ModelCIF file with pLDDT and N, C-alpha, C, O atoms, coordinates in Angstrom:
data_MODEL
#
_entry.id   MODEL 
#
_entity.id                         1 
_entity.type                       polymer 
_entity.pdbx_number_of_molecules   1 
#
_entity_poly.entity_id                      1 
_entity_poly.type                           'polypeptide(L)' 
_entity_poly.nstd_linkage                   no 
_entity_poly.nstd_monomer                   no 
_entity_poly.pdbx_seq_one_letter_code       EQYAGGATLVLQGLHRTWPALIDFARDLGLALGQPLQVNAYLTPP 
_entity_poly.pdbx_seq_one_letter_code_can   EQYAGGATLVLQGLHRTWPALIDFARDLGLALGQPLQVNAYLTPP 
_entity_poly.pdbx_strand_id                 A 
#
loop_
_entity_poly_seq.entity_id 
_entity_poly_seq.num 
_entity_poly_seq.mon_id 
_entity_poly_seq.hetero 
1 1  GLU n 
1 2  GLN n 
1 3  TYR n 
1 4  ALA n 
1 5  GLY n 
1 6  GLY n 
1 7  ALA n 
1 8  THR n 
1 9  LEU n 
1 10 VAL n 
1 11 LEU n 
1 12 GLN n 
1 13 GLY n 
1 14 LEU n 
1 15 HIS n 
1 16 ARG n 
1 17 THR n 
1 18 TRP n 
1 19 PRO n 
1 20 ALA n 
1 21 LEU n 
1 22 ILE n 
1 23 ASP n 
1 24 PHE n 
1 25 ALA n 
1 26 ARG n 
1 27 ASP n 
1 28 LEU n 
1 29 GLY n 
1 30 LEU n 
1 31 ALA n 
1 32 LEU n 
1 33 GLY n 
1 34 GLN n 
1 35 PRO n 
1 36 LEU n 
1 37 GLN n 
1 38 VAL n 
1 39 ASN n 
1 40 ALA n 
1 41 TYR n 
1 42 LEU n 
1 43 THR n 
1 44 PRO n 
1 45 PRO n 
#
_struct_asym.id          A 
_struct_asym.entity_id   1 
#
loop_
_ma_qa_metric.id 
_ma_qa_metric.mode 
_ma_qa_metric.name 
_ma_qa_metric.software_group_id 
_ma_qa_metric.type 
1 global pLDDT . pLDDT 
2 local  pLDDT . pLDDT 
#
_ma_qa_metric_global.metric_id      1 
_ma_qa_metric_global.metric_value   95.22 
_ma_qa_metric_global.model_id       1 
_ma_qa_metric_global.ordinal_id     1 
#
loop_
_ma_qa_metric_local.label_asym_id 
_ma_qa_metric_local.label_comp_id 
_ma_qa_metric_local.label_seq_id 
_ma_qa_metric_local.metric_id 
_ma_qa_metric_local.metric_value 
_ma_qa_metric_local.model_id 
_ma_qa_metric_local.ordinal_id 
A GLU 1  2 97.00 1 1  
A GLN 2  2 97.00 1 2  
A TYR 3  2 96.00 1 3  
A ALA 4  2 96.00 1 4  
A GLY 5  2 95.00 1 5  
A GLY 6  2 94.00 1 6  
A ALA 7  2 95.00 1 7  
A THR 8  2 95.00 1 8  
A LEU 9  2 97.00 1 9  
A VAL 10 2 97.00 1 10 
A LEU 11 2 98.00 1 11 
A GLN 12 2 97.00 1 12 
A GLY 13 2 97.00 1 13 
A LEU 14 2 98.00 1 14 
A HIS 15 2 96.00 1 15 
A ARG 16 2 94.00 1 16 
A THR 17 2 94.00 1 17 
A TRP 18 2 96.00 1 18 
A PRO 19 2 95.00 1 19 
A ALA 20 2 96.00 1 20 
A LEU 21 2 97.00 1 21 
A ILE 22 2 95.00 1 22 
A ASP 23 2 94.00 1 23 
A PHE 24 2 96.00 1 24 
A ALA 25 2 95.00 1 25 
A ARG 26 2 93.00 1 26 
A ASP 27 2 94.00 1 27 
A LEU 28 2 95.00 1 28 
A GLY 29 2 93.00 1 29 
A LEU 30 2 90.00 1 30 
A ALA 31 2 93.00 1 31 
A LEU 32 2 93.00 1 32 
A GLY 33 2 90.00 1 33 
A GLN 34 2 91.00 1 34 
A PRO 35 2 91.00 1 35 
A LEU 36 2 94.00 1 36 
A GLN 37 2 96.00 1 37 
A VAL 38 2 98.00 1 38 
A ASN 39 2 98.00 1 39 
A ALA 40 2 98.00 1 40 
A TYR 41 2 97.00 1 41 
A LEU 42 2 97.00 1 42 
A THR 43 2 96.00 1 43 
A PRO 44 2 96.00 1 44 
A PRO 45 2 95.00 1 45 
#
loop_
_atom_site.group_PDB 
_atom_site.id 
_atom_site.type_symbol 
_atom_site.label_atom_id 
_atom_site.label_alt_id 
_atom_site.label_comp_id 
_atom_site.label_asym_id 
_atom_site.label_entity_id 
_atom_site.label_seq_id 
_atom_site.pdbx_PDB_ins_code 
_atom_site.Cartn_x 
_atom_site.Cartn_y 
_atom_site.Cartn_z 
_atom_site.occupancy 
_atom_site.B_iso_or_equiv 
_atom_site.pdbx_formal_charge 
_atom_site.auth_seq_id 
_atom_site.auth_comp_id 
_atom_site.auth_asym_id 
_atom_site.auth_atom_id 
_atom_site.pdbx_PDB_model_num 
ATOM 1   N N  . GLU A 1 1  ? -1.064  -5.273 -20.273 1.00 97.00 ? 1  GLU A N  1 
ATOM 2   C CA . GLU A 1 1  ? -2.020  -6.296 -20.653 1.00 97.00 ? 1  GLU A CA 1 
ATOM 3   C C  . GLU A 1 1  ? -3.171  -7.093 -19.292 1.00 97.00 ? 1  GLU A C  1 
ATOM 4   O O  . GLU A 1 1  ? -4.360  -7.370 -19.450 1.00 97.00 ? 1  GLU A O  1 
ATOM 5   N N  . GLN A 1 2  ? -2.290  -7.314 -17.951 1.00 97.00 ? 2  GLN A N  1 
ATOM 6   C CA . GLN A 1 2  ? -3.058  -7.969 -16.864 1.00 97.00 ? 2  GLN A CA 1 
ATOM 7   C C  . GLN A 1 2  ? -4.264  -6.418 -17.342 1.00 97.00 ? 2  GLN A C  1 
ATOM 8   O O  . GLN A 1 2  ? -5.265  -6.143 -18.003 1.00 97.00 ? 2  GLN A O  1 
ATOM 9   N N  . TYR A 1 3  ? -3.668  -6.073 -16.816 1.00 96.00 ? 3  TYR A N  1 
ATOM 10  C CA . TYR A 1 3  ? -4.784  -4.622 -15.647 1.00 96.00 ? 3  TYR A CA 1 
ATOM 11  C C  . TYR A 1 3  ? -5.906  -3.939 -17.464 1.00 96.00 ? 3  TYR A C  1 
ATOM 12  O O  . TYR A 1 3  ? -6.992  -3.371 -17.575 1.00 96.00 ? 3  TYR A O  1 
ATOM 13  N N  . ALA A 1 4  ? -4.854  -4.423 -18.510 1.00 96.00 ? 4  ALA A N  1 
ATOM 14  C CA . ALA A 1 4  ? -6.299  -4.572 -19.646 1.00 96.00 ? 4  ALA A CA 1 
ATOM 15  C C  . ALA A 1 4  ? -7.158  -4.543 -20.198 1.00 96.00 ? 4  ALA A C  1 
ATOM 16  O O  . ALA A 1 4  ? -7.933  -3.905 -20.910 1.00 96.00 ? 4  ALA A O  1 
ATOM 17  N N  . GLY A 1 5  ? -6.668  -6.216 -19.308 1.00 95.00 ? 5  GLY A N  1 
ATOM 18  C CA . GLY A 1 5  ? -7.810  -7.080 -20.093 1.00 95.00 ? 5  GLY A CA 1 
ATOM 19  C C  . GLY A 1 5  ? -8.582  -8.027 -18.503 1.00 95.00 ? 5  GLY A C  1 
ATOM 20  O O  . GLY A 1 5  ? -9.070  -9.149 -18.369 1.00 95.00 ? 5  GLY A O  1 
ATOM 21  N N  . GLY A 1 6  ? -8.419  -7.234 -17.849 1.00 94.00 ? 6  GLY A N  1 
ATOM 22  C CA . GLY A 1 6  ? -9.679  -6.597 -16.185 1.00 94.00 ? 6  GLY A CA 1 
ATOM 23  C C  . GLY A 1 6  ? -9.226  -7.393 -14.671 1.00 94.00 ? 6  GLY A C  1 
ATOM 24  O O  . GLY A 1 6  ? -9.850  -7.952 -13.769 1.00 94.00 ? 6  GLY A O  1 
ATOM 25  N N  . ALA A 1 7  ? -7.967  -7.132 -14.924 1.00 95.00 ? 7  ALA A N  1 
ATOM 26  C CA . ALA A 1 7  ? -7.120  -7.877 -13.450 1.00 95.00 ? 7  ALA A CA 1 
ATOM 27  C C  . ALA A 1 7  ? -6.933  -6.813 -12.589 1.00 95.00 ? 7  ALA A C  1 
ATOM 28  O O  . ALA A 1 7  ? -6.960  -5.742 -13.194 1.00 95.00 ? 7  ALA A O  1 
ATOM 29  N N  . THR A 1 8  ? -6.741  -6.707 -11.325 1.00 95.00 ? 8  THR A N  1 
ATOM 30  C CA . THR A 1 8  ? -6.235  -5.737 -9.998  1.00 95.00 ? 8  THR A CA 1 
ATOM 31  C C  . THR A 1 8  ? -4.645  -6.197 -10.111 1.00 95.00 ? 8  THR A C  1 
ATOM 32  O O  . THR A 1 8  ? -4.226  -7.354 -10.089 1.00 95.00 ? 8  THR A O  1 
ATOM 33  N N  . LEU A 1 9  ? -3.987  -5.150 -10.218 1.00 97.00 ? 9  LEU A N  1 
ATOM 34  C CA . LEU A 1 9  ? -2.710  -5.110 -9.237  1.00 97.00 ? 9  LEU A CA 1 
ATOM 35  C C  . LEU A 1 9  ? -2.723  -4.647 -8.138  1.00 97.00 ? 9  LEU A C  1 
ATOM 36  O O  . LEU A 1 9  ? -3.026  -3.454 -8.168  1.00 97.00 ? 9  LEU A O  1 
ATOM 37  N N  . VAL A 1 10 ? -2.552  -4.995 -7.244  1.00 97.00 ? 10 VAL A N  1 
ATOM 38  C CA . VAL A 1 10 ? -2.179  -5.484 -6.005  1.00 97.00 ? 10 VAL A CA 1 
ATOM 39  C C  . VAL A 1 10 ? -0.482  -4.934 -5.064  1.00 97.00 ? 10 VAL A C  1 
ATOM 40  O O  . VAL A 1 10 ? 0.287   -5.715 -4.504  1.00 97.00 ? 10 VAL A O  1 
ATOM 41  N N  . LEU A 1 11 ? -0.324  -3.441 -5.163  1.00 98.00 ? 11 LEU A N  1 
ATOM 42  C CA . LEU A 1 11 ? 1.309   -3.113 -5.223  1.00 98.00 ? 11 LEU A CA 1 
ATOM 43  C C  . LEU A 1 11 ? 2.092   -3.314 -3.456  1.00 98.00 ? 11 LEU A C  1 
ATOM 44  O O  . LEU A 1 11 ? 2.146   -2.392 -2.641  1.00 98.00 ? 11 LEU A O  1 
ATOM 45  N N  . GLN A 1 12 ? 2.420   -4.195 -3.307  1.00 97.00 ? 12 GLN A N  1 
ATOM 46  C CA . GLN A 1 12 ? 2.152   -4.566 -1.602  1.00 97.00 ? 12 GLN A CA 1 
ATOM 47  C C  . GLN A 1 12 ? 3.417   -4.745 -0.838  1.00 97.00 ? 12 GLN A C  1 
ATOM 48  O O  . GLN A 1 12 ? 4.358   -5.389 -1.302  1.00 97.00 ? 12 GLN A O  1 
ATOM 49  N N  . GLY A 1 13 ? 3.446   -4.077 0.534   1.00 97.00 ? 13 GLY A N  1 
ATOM 50  C CA . GLY A 1 13 ? 4.934   -3.609 1.643   1.00 97.00 ? 13 GLY A CA 1 
ATOM 51  C C  . GLY A 1 13 ? 4.852   -2.167 1.160   1.00 97.00 ? 13 GLY A C  1 
ATOM 52  O O  . GLY A 1 13 ? 5.778   -1.738 1.848   1.00 97.00 ? 13 GLY A O  1 
ATOM 53  N N  . LEU A 1 14 ? 4.443   -1.149 0.509   1.00 98.00 ? 14 LEU A N  1 
ATOM 54  C CA . LEU A 1 14 ? 4.004   -0.193 0.706   1.00 98.00 ? 14 LEU A CA 1 
ATOM 55  C C  . LEU A 1 14 ? 4.896   0.308  1.028   1.00 98.00 ? 14 LEU A C  1 
ATOM 56  O O  . LEU A 1 14 ? 5.769   0.613  0.216   1.00 98.00 ? 14 LEU A O  1 
ATOM 57  N N  . HIS A 1 15 ? 5.043   0.699  2.950   1.00 96.00 ? 15 HIS A N  1 
ATOM 58  C CA . HIS A 1 15 ? 5.726   1.258  3.553   1.00 96.00 ? 15 HIS A CA 1 
ATOM 59  C C  . HIS A 1 15 ? 6.871   0.733  3.649   1.00 96.00 ? 15 HIS A C  1 
ATOM 60  O O  . HIS A 1 15 ? 7.666   0.998  4.551   1.00 96.00 ? 15 HIS A O  1 
ATOM 61  N N  . ARG A 1 16 ? 7.091   -0.151 2.628   1.00 94.00 ? 16 ARG A N  1 
ATOM 62  C CA . ARG A 1 16 ? 9.088   -0.782 2.720   1.00 94.00 ? 16 ARG A CA 1 
ATOM 63  C C  . ARG A 1 16 ? 9.781   0.453  1.394   1.00 94.00 ? 16 ARG A C  1 
ATOM 64  O O  . ARG A 1 16 ? 10.917  0.921  1.322   1.00 94.00 ? 16 ARG A O  1 
ATOM 65  N N  . THR A 1 17 ? 8.278   0.741  0.265   1.00 94.00 ? 17 THR A N  1 
ATOM 66  C CA . THR A 1 17 ? 9.043   1.181  -0.846  1.00 94.00 ? 17 THR A CA 1 
ATOM 67  C C  . THR A 1 17 ? 8.846   2.838  -1.470  1.00 94.00 ? 17 THR A C  1 
ATOM 68  O O  . THR A 1 17 ? 9.510   3.409  -2.336  1.00 94.00 ? 17 THR A O  1 
ATOM 69  N N  . TRP A 1 18 ? 7.270   3.507  -0.392  1.00 96.00 ? 18 TRP A N  1 
ATOM 70  C CA . TRP A 1 18 ? 7.151   4.259  -0.876  1.00 96.00 ? 18 TRP A CA 1 
ATOM 71  C C  . TRP A 1 18 ? 7.452   5.147  -0.124  1.00 96.00 ? 18 TRP A C  1 
ATOM 72  O O  . TRP A 1 18 ? 7.338   4.943  1.085   1.00 96.00 ? 18 TRP A O  1 
ATOM 73  N N  . PRO A 1 19 ? 7.888   6.292  -0.564  1.00 95.00 ? 19 PRO A N  1 
ATOM 74  C CA . PRO A 1 19 ? 8.802   7.702  0.346   1.00 95.00 ? 19 PRO A CA 1 
ATOM 75  C C  . PRO A 1 19 ? 7.769   7.844  1.490   1.00 95.00 ? 19 PRO A C  1 
ATOM 76  O O  . PRO A 1 19 ? 7.792   7.449  2.656   1.00 95.00 ? 19 PRO A O  1 
ATOM 77  N N  . ALA A 1 20 ? 6.925   8.484  0.828   1.00 96.00 ? 20 ALA A N  1 
ATOM 78  C CA . ALA A 1 20 ? 4.853   9.051  1.960   1.00 96.00 ? 20 ALA A CA 1 
ATOM 79  C C  . ALA A 1 20 ? 4.785   7.945  2.910   1.00 96.00 ? 20 ALA A C  1 
ATOM 80  O O  . ALA A 1 20 ? 5.144   8.062  4.082   1.00 96.00 ? 20 ALA A O  1 
ATOM 81  N N  . LEU A 1 21 ? 4.448   7.162  2.538   1.00 97.00 ? 21 LEU A N  1 
ATOM 82  C CA . LEU A 1 21 ? 4.190   5.567  3.336   1.00 97.00 ? 21 LEU A CA 1 
ATOM 83  C C  . LEU A 1 21 ? 4.651   5.417  4.024   1.00 97.00 ? 21 LEU A C  1 
ATOM 84  O O  . LEU A 1 21 ? 4.239   5.445  5.183   1.00 97.00 ? 21 LEU A O  1 
ATOM 85  N N  . ILE A 1 22 ? 6.114   5.098  3.529   1.00 95.00 ? 22 ILE A N  1 
ATOM 86  C CA . ILE A 1 22 ? 6.833   4.988  5.075   1.00 95.00 ? 22 ILE A CA 1 
ATOM 87  C C  . ILE A 1 22 ? 7.016   5.954  6.064   1.00 95.00 ? 22 ILE A C  1 
ATOM 88  O O  . ILE A 1 22 ? 7.520   5.531  7.104   1.00 95.00 ? 22 ILE A O  1 
ATOM 89  N N  . ASP A 1 23 ? 6.753   7.085  6.018   1.00 94.00 ? 23 ASP A N  1 
ATOM 90  C CA . ASP A 1 23 ? 6.674   7.904  6.667   1.00 94.00 ? 23 ASP A CA 1 
ATOM 91  C C  . ASP A 1 23 ? 5.994   7.714  7.423   1.00 94.00 ? 23 ASP A C  1 
ATOM 92  O O  . ASP A 1 23 ? 6.336   7.500  8.586   1.00 94.00 ? 23 ASP A O  1 
ATOM 93  N N  . PHE A 1 24 ? 3.774   7.739  6.662   1.00 96.00 ? 24 PHE A N  1 
ATOM 94  C CA . PHE A 1 24 ? 2.336   8.052  7.197   1.00 96.00 ? 24 PHE A CA 1 
ATOM 95  C C  . PHE A 1 24 ? 2.470   6.864  8.140   1.00 96.00 ? 24 PHE A C  1 
ATOM 96  O O  . PHE A 1 24 ? 2.245   7.160  9.314   1.00 96.00 ? 24 PHE A O  1 
ATOM 97  N N  . ALA A 1 25 ? 2.829   5.401  7.874   1.00 95.00 ? 25 ALA A N  1 
ATOM 98  C CA . ALA A 1 25 ? 2.808   4.586  8.451   1.00 95.00 ? 25 ALA A CA 1 
ATOM 99  C C  . ALA A 1 25 ? 3.557   3.800  10.112  1.00 95.00 ? 25 ALA A C  1 
ATOM 100 O O  . ALA A 1 25 ? 3.189   2.845  10.795  1.00 95.00 ? 25 ALA A O  1 
ATOM 101 N N  . ARG A 1 26 ? 5.227   5.201  10.291  1.00 93.00 ? 26 ARG A N  1 
ATOM 102 C CA . ARG A 1 26 ? 5.862   4.727  10.500  1.00 93.00 ? 26 ARG A CA 1 
ATOM 103 C C  . ARG A 1 26 ? 4.947   6.026  11.942  1.00 93.00 ? 26 ARG A C  1 
ATOM 104 O O  . ARG A 1 26 ? 5.001   5.490  13.049  1.00 93.00 ? 26 ARG A O  1 
ATOM 105 N N  . ASP A 1 27 ? 4.457   7.009  11.972  1.00 94.00 ? 27 ASP A N  1 
ATOM 106 C CA . ASP A 1 27 ? 3.509   7.882  12.472  1.00 94.00 ? 27 ASP A CA 1 
ATOM 107 C C  . ASP A 1 27 ? 2.532   7.341  12.807  1.00 94.00 ? 27 ASP A C  1 
ATOM 108 O O  . ASP A 1 27 ? 2.114   7.824  13.860  1.00 94.00 ? 27 ASP A O  1 
ATOM 109 N N  . LEU A 1 28 ? 1.588   6.097  12.209  1.00 95.00 ? 28 LEU A N  1 
ATOM 110 C CA . LEU A 1 28 ? -0.352  5.722  12.880  1.00 95.00 ? 28 LEU A CA 1 
ATOM 111 C C  . LEU A 1 28 ? 0.279   4.713  13.122  1.00 95.00 ? 28 LEU A C  1 
ATOM 112 O O  . LEU A 1 28 ? -0.300  3.939  13.885  1.00 95.00 ? 28 LEU A O  1 
ATOM 113 N N  . GLY A 1 29 ? 1.777   4.243  12.579  1.00 93.00 ? 29 GLY A N  1 
ATOM 114 C CA . GLY A 1 29 ? 1.584   2.905  13.830  1.00 93.00 ? 29 GLY A CA 1 
ATOM 115 C C  . GLY A 1 29 ? 2.131   3.526  15.572  1.00 93.00 ? 29 GLY A C  1 
ATOM 116 O O  . GLY A 1 29 ? 2.056   2.866  16.609  1.00 93.00 ? 29 GLY A O  1 
ATOM 117 N N  . LEU A 1 30 ? 2.742   5.175  15.408  1.00 90.00 ? 30 LEU A N  1 
ATOM 118 C CA . LEU A 1 30 ? 2.935   4.735  16.877  1.00 90.00 ? 30 LEU A CA 1 
ATOM 119 C C  . LEU A 1 30 ? 0.778   5.262  17.690  1.00 90.00 ? 30 LEU A C  1 
ATOM 120 O O  . LEU A 1 30 ? 0.307   5.198  18.825  1.00 90.00 ? 30 LEU A O  1 
ATOM 121 N N  . ALA A 1 31 ? 0.306   5.609  16.622  1.00 93.00 ? 31 ALA A N  1 
ATOM 122 C CA . ALA A 1 31 ? -0.557  6.345  17.018  1.00 93.00 ? 31 ALA A CA 1 
ATOM 123 C C  . ALA A 1 31 ? -1.435  5.158  17.417  1.00 93.00 ? 31 ALA A C  1 
ATOM 124 O O  . ALA A 1 31 ? -2.017  5.369  18.481  1.00 93.00 ? 31 ALA A O  1 
ATOM 125 N N  . LEU A 1 32 ? -1.742  3.746  16.759  1.00 93.00 ? 32 LEU A N  1 
ATOM 126 C CA . LEU A 1 32 ? -2.235  2.850  17.083  1.00 93.00 ? 32 LEU A CA 1 
ATOM 127 C C  . LEU A 1 32 ? -1.483  1.915  18.173  1.00 93.00 ? 32 LEU A C  1 
ATOM 128 O O  . LEU A 1 32 ? -2.153  1.853  19.204  1.00 93.00 ? 32 LEU A O  1 
ATOM 129 N N  . GLY A 1 33 ? -0.604  1.371  18.218  1.00 90.00 ? 33 GLY A N  1 
ATOM 130 C CA . GLY A 1 33 ? 0.538   1.271  19.039  1.00 90.00 ? 33 GLY A CA 1 
ATOM 131 C C  . GLY A 1 33 ? 1.047   0.111  18.642  1.00 90.00 ? 33 GLY A C  1 
ATOM 132 O O  . GLY A 1 33 ? 1.787   -0.645 19.272  1.00 90.00 ? 33 GLY A O  1 
ATOM 133 N N  . GLN A 1 34 ? 0.554   -0.013 17.410  1.00 91.00 ? 34 GLN A N  1 
ATOM 134 C CA . GLN A 1 34 ? 1.307   -1.359 16.663  1.00 91.00 ? 34 GLN A CA 1 
ATOM 135 C C  . GLN A 1 34 ? 1.774   -1.785 15.192  1.00 91.00 ? 34 GLN A C  1 
ATOM 136 O O  . GLN A 1 34 ? 2.510   -0.817 15.001  1.00 91.00 ? 34 GLN A O  1 
ATOM 137 N N  . PRO A 1 35 ? 1.881   -2.557 13.977  1.00 91.00 ? 35 PRO A N  1 
ATOM 138 C CA . PRO A 1 35 ? 2.844   -2.139 13.351  1.00 91.00 ? 35 PRO A CA 1 
ATOM 139 C C  . PRO A 1 35 ? 1.616   -2.568 12.397  1.00 91.00 ? 35 PRO A C  1 
ATOM 140 O O  . PRO A 1 35 ? 0.634   -3.298 12.532  1.00 91.00 ? 35 PRO A O  1 
ATOM 141 N N  . LEU A 1 36 ? 2.152   -1.755 11.359  1.00 94.00 ? 36 LEU A N  1 
ATOM 142 C CA . LEU A 1 36 ? 0.932   -1.414 10.065  1.00 94.00 ? 36 LEU A CA 1 
ATOM 143 C C  . LEU A 1 36 ? 2.407   -2.118 9.467   1.00 94.00 ? 36 LEU A C  1 
ATOM 144 O O  . LEU A 1 36 ? 3.567   -2.173 9.875   1.00 94.00 ? 36 LEU A O  1 
ATOM 145 N N  . GLN A 1 37 ? 1.375   -2.807 7.810   1.00 96.00 ? 37 GLN A N  1 
ATOM 146 C CA . GLN A 1 37 ? 1.542   -2.392 5.962   1.00 96.00 ? 37 GLN A CA 1 
ATOM 147 C C  . GLN A 1 37 ? 0.619   -1.932 5.009   1.00 96.00 ? 37 GLN A C  1 
ATOM 148 O O  . GLN A 1 37 ? -0.580  -1.866 5.281   1.00 96.00 ? 37 GLN A O  1 
ATOM 149 N N  . VAL A 1 38 ? 1.077   -1.605 3.901   1.00 98.00 ? 38 VAL A N  1 
ATOM 150 C CA . VAL A 1 38 ? 0.087   -0.570 3.970   1.00 98.00 ? 38 VAL A CA 1 
ATOM 151 C C  . VAL A 1 38 ? 0.847   -1.194 2.207   1.00 98.00 ? 38 VAL A C  1 
ATOM 152 O O  . VAL A 1 38 ? 2.036   -1.213 1.889   1.00 98.00 ? 38 VAL A O  1 
ATOM 153 N N  . ASN A 1 39 ? -0.634  -1.723 1.193   1.00 98.00 ? 39 ASN A N  1 
ATOM 154 C CA . ASN A 1 39 ? -1.168  -2.026 0.657   1.00 98.00 ? 39 ASN A CA 1 
ATOM 155 C C  . ASN A 1 39 ? -1.517  -1.290 -0.495  1.00 98.00 ? 39 ASN A C  1 
ATOM 156 O O  . ASN A 1 39 ? -1.942  -0.162 -0.247  1.00 98.00 ? 39 ASN A O  1 
ATOM 157 N N  . ALA A 1 40 ? -1.421  -1.809 -2.438  1.00 98.00 ? 40 ALA A N  1 
ATOM 158 C CA . ALA A 1 40 ? -2.438  -0.387 -3.126  1.00 98.00 ? 40 ALA A CA 1 
ATOM 159 C C  . ALA A 1 40 ? -3.246  -1.739 -3.877  1.00 98.00 ? 40 ALA A C  1 
ATOM 160 O O  . ALA A 1 40 ? -2.794  -2.816 -4.267  1.00 98.00 ? 40 ALA A O  1 
ATOM 161 N N  . TYR A 1 41 ? -4.772  -1.119 -3.895  1.00 97.00 ? 41 TYR A N  1 
ATOM 162 C CA . TYR A 1 41 ? -4.913  -2.039 -5.505  1.00 97.00 ? 41 TYR A CA 1 
ATOM 163 C C  . TYR A 1 41 ? -5.475  -0.763 -6.433  1.00 97.00 ? 41 TYR A C  1 
ATOM 164 O O  . TYR A 1 41 ? -5.804  0.423  -6.416  1.00 97.00 ? 41 TYR A O  1 
ATOM 165 N N  . LEU A 1 42 ? -5.368  -1.599 -7.008  1.00 97.00 ? 42 LEU A N  1 
ATOM 166 C CA . LEU A 1 42 ? -5.799  -1.620 -8.695  1.00 97.00 ? 42 LEU A CA 1 
ATOM 167 C C  . LEU A 1 42 ? -6.768  -1.674 -9.826  1.00 97.00 ? 42 LEU A C  1 
ATOM 168 O O  . LEU A 1 42 ? -6.571  -2.180 -10.931 1.00 97.00 ? 42 LEU A O  1 
ATOM 169 N N  . THR A 1 43 ? -7.523  -1.256 -9.522  1.00 96.00 ? 43 THR A N  1 
ATOM 170 C CA . THR A 1 43 ? -8.758  -2.239 -10.091 1.00 96.00 ? 43 THR A CA 1 
ATOM 171 C C  . THR A 1 43 ? -8.976  -1.476 -11.494 1.00 96.00 ? 43 THR A C  1 
ATOM 172 O O  . THR A 1 43 ? -8.614  -0.300 -11.527 1.00 96.00 ? 43 THR A O  1 
ATOM 173 N N  . PRO A 1 44 ? -9.579  -2.087 -12.743 1.00 96.00 ? 44 PRO A N  1 
ATOM 174 C CA . PRO A 1 44 ? -9.689  -1.288 -14.044 1.00 96.00 ? 44 PRO A CA 1 
ATOM 175 C C  . PRO A 1 44 ? -11.764 -1.067 -13.614 1.00 96.00 ? 44 PRO A C  1 
ATOM 176 O O  . PRO A 1 44 ? -12.378 -1.543 -12.659 1.00 96.00 ? 44 PRO A O  1 
ATOM 177 N N  . PRO A 1 45 ? -12.243 -0.270 -14.653 1.00 95.00 ? 45 PRO A N  1 
ATOM 178 C CA . PRO A 1 45 ? -13.239 0.094  -14.235 1.00 95.00 ? 45 PRO A CA 1 
ATOM 179 C C  . PRO A 1 45 ? -14.414 -0.653 -14.093 1.00 95.00 ? 45 PRO A C  1 
ATOM 180 O O  . PRO A 1 45 ? -15.424 -0.130 -13.623 1.00 95.00 ? 45 PRO A O  1 
#
């Protein structure tokens, strides 16, 4: 209902909940020497 009405969905903390992003965030964090967080933004047209 929200998304069809034009709202943006923000999936937060994907570095803790989605396997591919858990691994990617760990590797990128090593390259940068910093802790990371990953969110996804889904926006209607």
